[in-house]
PDB file of all heavy atoms in Angstrom:
ATOM      1  N   SER A   1     106.449 119.885 105.455  1.00  0.00           N
ATOM      2  CA  SER A   1     105.898 120.276 106.753  1.00  0.00           C
ATOM      3  C   SER A   1     104.404 119.904 106.862  1.00  0.00           C
ATOM      4  O   SER A   1     103.964 119.249 107.834  1.00  0.00           O
ATOM      5  CB  SER A   1     105.969 121.790 106.841  1.00  0.00           C
ATOM      6  OG  SER A   1     105.103 122.312 107.943  1.00  0.00           O
ATOM      7  N   VAL A   2     103.640 119.995 105.804  1.00  0.00           N
ATOM      8  CA  VAL A   2     102.264 119.572 105.747  1.00  0.00           C
ATOM      9  C   VAL A   2     102.143 118.034 105.915  1.00  0.00           C
ATOM     10  O   VAL A   2     101.243 117.589 106.684  1.00  0.00           O
ATOM     11  CB  VAL A   2     101.592 119.986 104.404  1.00  0.00           C
ATOM     12  CG1 VAL A   2     100.128 119.422 104.192  1.00  0.00           C
ATOM     13  CG2 VAL A   2     101.456 121.530 104.320  1.00  0.00           C
ATOM     14  N   ARG A   3     103.004 117.241 105.283  1.00  0.00           N
ATOM     15  CA  ARG A   3     102.945 115.720 105.449  1.00  0.00           C
ATOM     16  C   ARG A   3     103.244 115.427 106.934  1.00  0.00           C
ATOM     17  O   ARG A   3     102.583 114.540 107.431  1.00  0.00           O
ATOM     18  CB  ARG A   3     103.967 115.107 104.640  1.00  0.00           C
ATOM     19  CG  ARG A   3     103.498 115.029 103.128  1.00  0.00           C
ATOM     20  CD  ARG A   3     104.562 114.194 102.295  1.00  0.00           C
ATOM     21  NE  ARG A   3     105.761 114.805 102.145  1.00  0.00           N
ATOM     22  CZ  ARG A   3     106.812 114.288 101.492  1.00  0.00           C
ATOM     23  NH1 ARG A   3     106.651 113.032 101.004  1.00  0.00           N
ATOM     24  NH2 ARG A   3     107.877 114.933 101.392  1.00  0.00           N
ATOM     25  N   PHE A   4     104.143 116.213 107.617  1.00  0.00           N
ATOM     26  CA  PHE A   4     104.272 115.919 109.030  1.00  0.00           C
ATOM     27  C   PHE A   4     103.087 116.056 109.921  1.00  0.00           C
ATOM     28  O   PHE A   4     102.672 115.272 110.575  1.00  0.00           O
ATOM     29  CB  PHE A   4     105.538 116.853 109.513  1.00  0.00           C
ATOM     30  CG  PHE A   4     105.551 116.767 111.021  1.00  0.00           C
ATOM     31  CD1 PHE A   4     106.377 115.806 111.714  1.00  0.00           C
ATOM     32  CD2 PHE A   4     105.111 117.806 111.808  1.00  0.00           C
ATOM     33  CE1 PHE A   4     106.401 115.716 112.997  1.00  0.00           C
ATOM     34  CE2 PHE A   4     105.160 117.785 113.177  1.00  0.00           C
ATOM     35  CZ  PHE A   4     105.843 116.764 113.741  1.00  0.00           C
ATOM     36  N   TYR A   5     102.398 117.283 109.637  1.00  0.00           N
ATOM     37  CA  TYR A   5     101.196 117.537 110.379  1.00  0.00           C
ATOM     38  C   TYR A   5     100.144 116.493 110.074  1.00  0.00           C
ATOM     39  O   TYR A   5      99.275 116.164 110.944  1.00  0.00           O
ATOM     40  CB  TYR A   5     100.643 118.951 110.155  1.00  0.00           C
ATOM     41  CG  TYR A   5     101.466 119.923 110.993  1.00  0.00           C
ATOM     42  CD1 TYR A   5     102.480 120.775 110.424  1.00  0.00           C
ATOM     43  CD2 TYR A   5     101.341 120.111 112.301  1.00  0.00           C
ATOM     44  CE1 TYR A   5     103.279 121.605 111.094  1.00  0.00           C
ATOM     45  CE2 TYR A   5     102.131 120.972 113.106  1.00  0.00           C
ATOM     46  CZ  TYR A   5     103.076 121.773 112.410  1.00  0.00           C
ATOM     47  OH  TYR A   5     103.807 122.615 113.162  1.00  0.00           O
ATOM     48  N   ALA A   6      99.993 116.103 108.839  1.00  0.00           N
ATOM     49  CA  ALA A   6      98.884 115.116 108.481  1.00  0.00           C
ATOM     50  C   ALA A   6      99.269 113.810 109.222  1.00  0.00           C
ATOM     51  O   ALA A   6      98.290 113.172 109.623  1.00  0.00           O
ATOM     52  CB  ALA A   6      98.938 114.841 106.936  1.00  0.00           C
ATOM     53  N   HIS A   7     100.492 113.443 109.297  1.00  0.00           N
ATOM     54  CA  HIS A   7     100.856 112.197 109.952  1.00  0.00           C
ATOM     55  C   HIS A   7     100.600 112.230 111.487  1.00  0.00           C
ATOM     56  O   HIS A   7     100.226 111.262 112.068  1.00  0.00           O
ATOM     57  CB  HIS A   7     102.338 111.911 109.662  1.00  0.00           C
ATOM     58  CG  HIS A   7     102.835 110.618 110.334  1.00  0.00           C
ATOM     59  ND1 HIS A   7     103.414 110.592 111.564  1.00  0.00           N
ATOM     60  CD2 HIS A   7     102.860 109.325 109.885  1.00  0.00           C
ATOM     61  CE1 HIS A   7     103.653 109.286 111.891  1.00  0.00           C
ATOM     62  NE2 HIS A   7     103.327 108.507 110.824  1.00  0.00           N
ATOM     63  N   GLU A   8     100.890 113.411 112.063  1.00  0.00           N
ATOM     64  CA  GLU A   8     100.764 113.627 113.475  1.00  0.00           C
ATOM     65  C   GLU A   8      99.376 114.018 113.989  1.00  0.00           C
ATOM     66  O   GLU A   8      99.038 114.030 115.175  1.00  0.00           O
ATOM     67  CB  GLU A   8     101.740 114.705 113.911  1.00  0.00           C
ATOM     68  CG  GLU A   8     103.155 114.263 113.767  1.00  0.00           C
ATOM     69  CD  GLU A   8     103.602 113.006 114.518  1.00  0.00           C
ATOM     70  OE1 GLU A   8     103.128 112.782 115.617  1.00  0.00           O
ATOM     71  OE2 GLU A   8     104.384 112.234 113.865  1.00  0.00           O
ATOM     72  N   SER A   9      98.396 114.294 113.050  1.00  0.00           N
ATOM     73  CA  SER A   9      97.007 114.663 113.504  1.00  0.00           C
ATOM     74  C   SER A   9      96.416 113.518 114.161  1.00  0.00           C
ATOM     75  O   SER A   9      96.485 112.364 113.702  1.00  0.00           O
ATOM     76  CB  SER A   9      96.245 115.083 112.254  1.00  0.00           C
ATOM     77  OG  SER A   9      94.853 115.191 112.576  1.00  0.00           O
ATOM     78  N   CYS A  10      95.691 113.762 115.206  1.00  0.00           N
ATOM     79  CA  CYS A  10      94.935 112.766 115.937  1.00  0.00           C
ATOM     80  C   CYS A  10      93.671 112.297 115.246  1.00  0.00           C
ATOM     81  O   CYS A  10      93.107 111.282 115.551  1.00  0.00           O
ATOM     82  CB  CYS A  10      94.682 113.125 117.406  1.00  0.00           C
ATOM     83  SG  CYS A  10      93.388 114.457 117.565  1.00  0.00           S
ATOM     84  N   GLY A  11      93.262 113.167 114.270  1.00  0.00           N
ATOM     85  CA  GLY A  11      92.118 112.781 113.503  1.00  0.00           C
ATOM     86  C   GLY A  11      90.720 113.066 114.191  1.00  0.00           C
ATOM     87  O   GLY A  11      89.699 112.644 113.829  1.00  0.00           O
ATOM     88  N   LYS A  12      90.861 113.859 115.320  1.00  0.00           N
ATOM     89  CA  LYS A  12      89.627 114.038 116.086  1.00  0.00           C
ATOM     90  C   LYS A  12      88.597 114.868 115.427  1.00  0.00           C
ATOM     91  O   LYS A  12      87.352 114.693 115.446  1.00  0.00           O
ATOM     92  CB  LYS A  12      89.915 114.486 117.536  1.00  0.00           C
ATOM     93  CG  LYS A  12      88.729 114.807 118.417  1.00  0.00           C
ATOM     94  CD  LYS A  12      89.098 115.114 119.834  1.00  0.00           C
ATOM     95  CE  LYS A  12      87.849 115.341 120.722  1.00  0.00           C
ATOM     96  NZ  LYS A  12      88.198 115.461 122.175  1.00  0.00           N
ATOM     97  N   CYS A  13      89.061 115.985 114.750  1.00  0.00           N
ATOM     98  CA  CYS A  13      88.172 117.002 114.276  1.00  0.00           C
ATOM     99  C   CYS A  13      88.231 116.961 112.723  1.00  0.00           C
ATOM    100  O   CYS A  13      89.320 116.716 112.158  1.00  0.00           O
ATOM    101  CB  CYS A  13      88.405 118.332 114.798  1.00  0.00           C
ATOM    102  SG  CYS A  13      90.075 119.042 114.512  1.00  0.00           S
ATOM    103  N   THR A  14      87.229 117.432 112.058  1.00  0.00           N
ATOM    104  CA  THR A  14      87.161 117.379 110.589  1.00  0.00           C
ATOM    105  C   THR A  14      88.208 118.355 109.928  1.00  0.00           C
ATOM    106  O   THR A  14      88.761 117.969 108.915  1.00  0.00           O
ATOM    107  CB  THR A  14      85.734 117.797 110.154  1.00  0.00           C
ATOM    108  OG1 THR A  14      84.791 116.815 110.779  1.00  0.00           O
ATOM    109  CG2 THR A  14      85.682 117.747 108.599  1.00  0.00           C
ATOM    110  N   PRO A  15      88.291 119.525 110.373  1.00  0.00           N
ATOM    111  CA  PRO A  15      89.289 120.507 109.679  1.00  0.00           C
ATOM    112  C   PRO A  15      90.722 119.828 109.598  1.00  0.00           C
ATOM    113  O   PRO A  15      91.368 119.984 108.466  1.00  0.00           O
ATOM    114  CB  PRO A  15      89.311 121.674 110.515  1.00  0.00           C
ATOM    115  CG  PRO A  15      87.965 121.656 111.204  1.00  0.00           C
ATOM    116  CD  PRO A  15      87.730 120.303 111.501  1.00  0.00           C
ATOM    117  N   CYS A  16      91.147 119.241 110.618  1.00  0.00           N
ATOM    118  CA  CYS A  16      92.464 118.553 110.611  1.00  0.00           C
ATOM    119  C   CYS A  16      92.448 117.160 109.809  1.00  0.00           C
ATOM    120  O   CYS A  16      93.303 117.000 108.952  1.00  0.00           O
ATOM    121  CB  CYS A  16      92.871 118.264 111.995  1.00  0.00           C
ATOM    122  SG  CYS A  16      94.675 118.644 112.276  1.00  0.00           S
ATOM    123  N   ARG A  17      91.456 116.320 110.083  1.00  0.00           N
ATOM    124  CA  ARG A  17      91.356 115.014 109.609  1.00  0.00           C
ATOM    125  C   ARG A  17      91.293 115.157 108.041  1.00  0.00           C
ATOM    126  O   ARG A  17      91.892 114.393 107.268  1.00  0.00           O
ATOM    127  CB  ARG A  17      90.293 114.305 110.238  1.00  0.00           C
ATOM    128  CG  ARG A  17      90.214 112.807 109.688  1.00  0.00           C
ATOM    129  CD  ARG A  17      89.054 112.027 110.362  1.00  0.00           C
ATOM    130  NE  ARG A  17      87.753 112.702 110.000  1.00  0.00           N
ATOM    131  CZ  ARG A  17      87.028 113.366 110.845  1.00  0.00           C
ATOM    132  NH1 ARG A  17      87.387 113.545 112.134  1.00  0.00           N
ATOM    133  NH2 ARG A  17      85.811 113.765 110.529  1.00  0.00           N
ATOM    134  N   GLU A  18      90.174 115.915 107.566  1.00  0.00           N
ATOM    135  CA  GLU A  18      89.950 115.980 106.173  1.00  0.00           C
ATOM    136  C   GLU A  18      90.846 117.117 105.415  1.00  0.00           C
ATOM    137  O   GLU A  18      91.243 116.997 104.293  1.00  0.00           O
ATOM    138  CB  GLU A  18      88.558 116.241 105.947  1.00  0.00           C
ATOM    139  CG  GLU A  18      87.620 115.240 106.634  1.00  0.00           C
ATOM    140  CD  GLU A  18      87.768 113.798 106.105  1.00  0.00           C
ATOM    141  OE1 GLU A  18      88.216 113.618 104.984  1.00  0.00           O
ATOM    142  OE2 GLU A  18      87.509 112.930 106.793  1.00  0.00           O
ATOM    143  N   GLY A  19      90.917 118.236 106.108  1.00  0.00           N
ATOM    144  CA  GLY A  19      91.555 119.348 105.470  1.00  0.00           C
ATOM    145  C   GLY A  19      92.976 119.230 105.289  1.00  0.00           C
ATOM    146  O   GLY A  19      93.503 119.468 104.218  1.00  0.00           O
ATOM    147  N   ILE A  20      93.789 118.768 106.344  1.00  0.00           N
ATOM    148  CA  ILE A  20      95.184 118.604 106.223  1.00  0.00           C
ATOM    149  C   ILE A  20      95.545 117.275 105.727  1.00  0.00           C
ATOM    150  O   ILE A  20      96.229 117.106 104.713  1.00  0.00           O
ATOM    151  CB  ILE A  20      95.856 118.838 107.644  1.00  0.00           C
ATOM    152  CG1 ILE A  20      95.669 120.266 108.101  1.00  0.00           C
ATOM    153  CG2 ILE A  20      97.439 118.558 107.466  1.00  0.00           C
ATOM    154  CD1 ILE A  20      96.180 120.590 109.469  1.00  0.00           C
ATOM    155  N   SER A  21      95.055 116.186 106.492  1.00  0.00           N
ATOM    156  CA  SER A  21      95.473 114.863 106.047  1.00  0.00           C
ATOM    157  C   SER A  21      94.945 114.460 104.685  1.00  0.00           C
ATOM    158  O   SER A  21      95.557 113.530 104.033  1.00  0.00           O
ATOM    159  CB  SER A  21      94.899 113.827 107.041  1.00  0.00           C
ATOM    160  OG  SER A  21      95.457 114.129 108.333  1.00  0.00           O
ATOM    161  N   GLY A  22      93.854 115.086 104.215  1.00  0.00           N
ATOM    162  CA  GLY A  22      93.190 114.802 102.939  1.00  0.00           C
ATOM    163  C   GLY A  22      93.718 115.775 101.935  1.00  0.00           C
ATOM    164  O   GLY A  22      94.610 115.593 101.123  1.00  0.00           O
ATOM    165  N   TRP A  23      92.927 116.942 101.797  1.00  0.00           N
ATOM    166  CA  TRP A  23      93.086 117.919 100.730  1.00  0.00           C
ATOM    167  C   TRP A  23      94.390 118.637 100.746  1.00  0.00           C
ATOM    168  O   TRP A  23      95.007 118.754  99.632  1.00  0.00           O
ATOM    169  CB  TRP A  23      91.901 118.920 100.884  1.00  0.00           C
ATOM    170  CG  TRP A  23      90.660 118.359 100.360  1.00  0.00           C
ATOM    171  CD1 TRP A  23      89.694 117.740 101.047  1.00  0.00           C
ATOM    172  CD2 TRP A  23      90.235 118.131  98.956  1.00  0.00           C
ATOM    173  NE1 TRP A  23      88.621 117.324 100.272  1.00  0.00           N
ATOM    174  CE2 TRP A  23      88.987 117.574  99.040  1.00  0.00           C
ATOM    175  CE3 TRP A  23      90.841 118.609  97.733  1.00  0.00           C
ATOM    176  CZ2 TRP A  23      88.332 117.293  97.834  1.00  0.00           C
ATOM    177  CZ3 TRP A  23      90.152 118.269  96.677  1.00  0.00           C
ATOM    178  CH2 TRP A  23      88.850 117.664  96.631  1.00  0.00           C
ATOM    179  N   MET A  24      94.890 119.047 101.828  1.00  0.00           N
ATOM    180  CA  MET A  24      96.105 119.876 101.810  1.00  0.00           C
ATOM    181  C   MET A  24      97.366 119.076 101.305  1.00  0.00           C
ATOM    182  O   MET A  24      98.214 119.554 100.506  1.00  0.00           O
ATOM    183  CB  MET A  24      96.433 120.510 103.255  1.00  0.00           C
ATOM    184  CG  MET A  24      97.467 121.482 103.196  1.00  0.00           C
ATOM    185  SD  MET A  24      96.959 123.066 102.358  1.00  0.00           S
ATOM    186  CE  MET A  24      95.803 123.770 103.582  1.00  0.00           C
ATOM    187  N   VAL A  25      97.457 117.878 101.862  1.00  0.00           N
ATOM    188  CA  VAL A  25      98.581 117.018 101.411  1.00  0.00           C
ATOM    189  C   VAL A  25      98.450 116.706  99.884  1.00  0.00           C
ATOM    190  O   VAL A  25      99.538 116.802  99.182  1.00  0.00           O
ATOM    191  CB  VAL A  25      98.597 115.706 102.213  1.00  0.00           C
ATOM    192  CG1 VAL A  25      99.548 114.669 101.598  1.00  0.00           C
ATOM    193  CG2 VAL A  25      98.918 115.946 103.635  1.00  0.00           C
ATOM    194  N   LYS A  26      97.227 116.447  99.409  1.00  0.00           N
ATOM    195  CA  LYS A  26      97.121 116.155  97.967  1.00  0.00           C
ATOM    196  C   LYS A  26      97.418 117.342  97.054  1.00  0.00           C
ATOM    197  O   LYS A  26      98.112 117.182  96.043  1.00  0.00           O
ATOM    198  CB  LYS A  26      95.671 115.674  97.666  1.00  0.00           C
ATOM    199  CG  LYS A  26      95.352 114.366  98.238  1.00  0.00           C
ATOM    200  CD  LYS A  26      93.944 113.999  98.094  1.00  0.00           C
ATOM    201  CE  LYS A  26      93.578 112.569  98.675  1.00  0.00           C
ATOM    202  NZ  LYS A  26      92.132 112.256  98.465  1.00  0.00           N
ATOM    203  N   MET A  27      97.032 118.545  97.498  1.00  0.00           N
ATOM    204  CA  MET A  27      97.462 119.776  96.725  1.00  0.00           C
ATOM    205  C   MET A  27      98.924 119.977  96.752  1.00  0.00           C
ATOM    206  O   MET A  27      99.400 120.262  95.658  1.00  0.00           O
ATOM    207  CB  MET A  27      96.721 120.910  97.416  1.00  0.00           C
ATOM    208  CG  MET A  27      95.154 120.870  97.066  1.00  0.00           C
ATOM    209  SD  MET A  27      94.694 120.775  95.392  1.00  0.00           S
ATOM    210  CE  MET A  27      95.405 122.282  94.677  1.00  0.00           C
ATOM    211  N   TYR A  28      99.543 119.856  97.848  1.00  0.00           N
ATOM    212  CA  TYR A  28     100.963 119.980  97.873  1.00  0.00           C
ATOM    213  C   TYR A  28     101.730 118.868  97.092  1.00  0.00           C
ATOM    214  O   TYR A  28     102.729 119.136  96.445  1.00  0.00           O
ATOM    215  CB  TYR A  28     101.546 120.142  99.260  1.00  0.00           C
ATOM    216  CG  TYR A  28     101.567 121.581  99.767  1.00  0.00           C
ATOM    217  CD1 TYR A  28     100.555 122.052 100.490  1.00  0.00           C
ATOM    218  CD2 TYR A  28     102.605 122.361  99.419  1.00  0.00           C
ATOM    219  CE1 TYR A  28     100.508 123.334 100.930  1.00  0.00           C
ATOM    220  CE2 TYR A  28     102.676 123.674  99.865  1.00  0.00           C
ATOM    221  CZ  TYR A  28     101.621 124.240 100.641  1.00  0.00           C
ATOM    222  OH  TYR A  28     101.630 125.455 101.038  1.00  0.00           O
ATOM    223  N   GLU A  29     101.265 117.708  97.162  1.00  0.00           N
ATOM    224  CA  GLU A  29     101.760 116.668  96.304  1.00  0.00           C
ATOM    225  C   GLU A  29     101.666 116.928  94.916  1.00  0.00           C
ATOM    226  O   GLU A  29     102.660 116.691  94.070  1.00  0.00           O
ATOM    227  CB  GLU A  29     101.110 115.314  96.564  1.00  0.00           C
ATOM    228  CG  GLU A  29     101.834 114.192  95.842  1.00  0.00           C
ATOM    229  CD  GLU A  29     101.238 112.768  96.168  1.00  0.00           C
ATOM    230  OE1 GLU A  29     100.185 112.684  96.906  1.00  0.00           O
ATOM    231  OE2 GLU A  29     101.790 111.736  95.727  1.00  0.00           O
ATOM    232  N   LYS A  30     100.565 117.431  94.393  1.00  0.00           N
ATOM    233  CA  LYS A  30     100.376 117.844  93.039  1.00  0.00           C
ATOM    234  C   LYS A  30     101.353 118.882  92.635  1.00  0.00           C
ATOM    235  O   LYS A  30     101.987 118.818  91.562  1.00  0.00           O
ATOM    236  CB  LYS A  30      98.858 118.322  92.966  1.00  0.00           C
ATOM    237  CG  LYS A  30      98.508 118.789  91.487  1.00  0.00           C
ATOM    238  CD  LYS A  30      97.092 119.270  91.485  1.00  0.00           C
ATOM    239  CE  LYS A  30      96.724 119.785  90.035  1.00  0.00           C
ATOM    240  NZ  LYS A  30      95.325 120.439  90.073  1.00  0.00           N
ATOM    241  N   LEU A  31     101.496 120.010  93.472  1.00  0.00           N
ATOM    242  CA  LEU A  31     102.447 120.967  93.110  1.00  0.00           C
ATOM    243  C   LEU A  31     103.897 120.548  93.242  1.00  0.00           C
ATOM    244  O   LEU A  31     104.728 120.871  92.379  1.00  0.00           O
ATOM    245  CB  LEU A  31     102.200 122.139  94.060  1.00  0.00           C
ATOM    246  CG  LEU A  31     101.000 123.072  93.935  1.00  0.00           C
ATOM    247  CD1 LEU A  31     100.850 124.070  95.022  1.00  0.00           C
ATOM    248  CD2 LEU A  31     100.951 123.797  92.536  1.00  0.00           C
TER     249      LEU A  31
END
């Protein structure tokens, strides 16, 4: 689910661009 949202984010704002597409995806990949 998180990977889907990271892929679909438009990247306009920092919480989405960095928080989901960056950190959140990496944390879930780790787990």
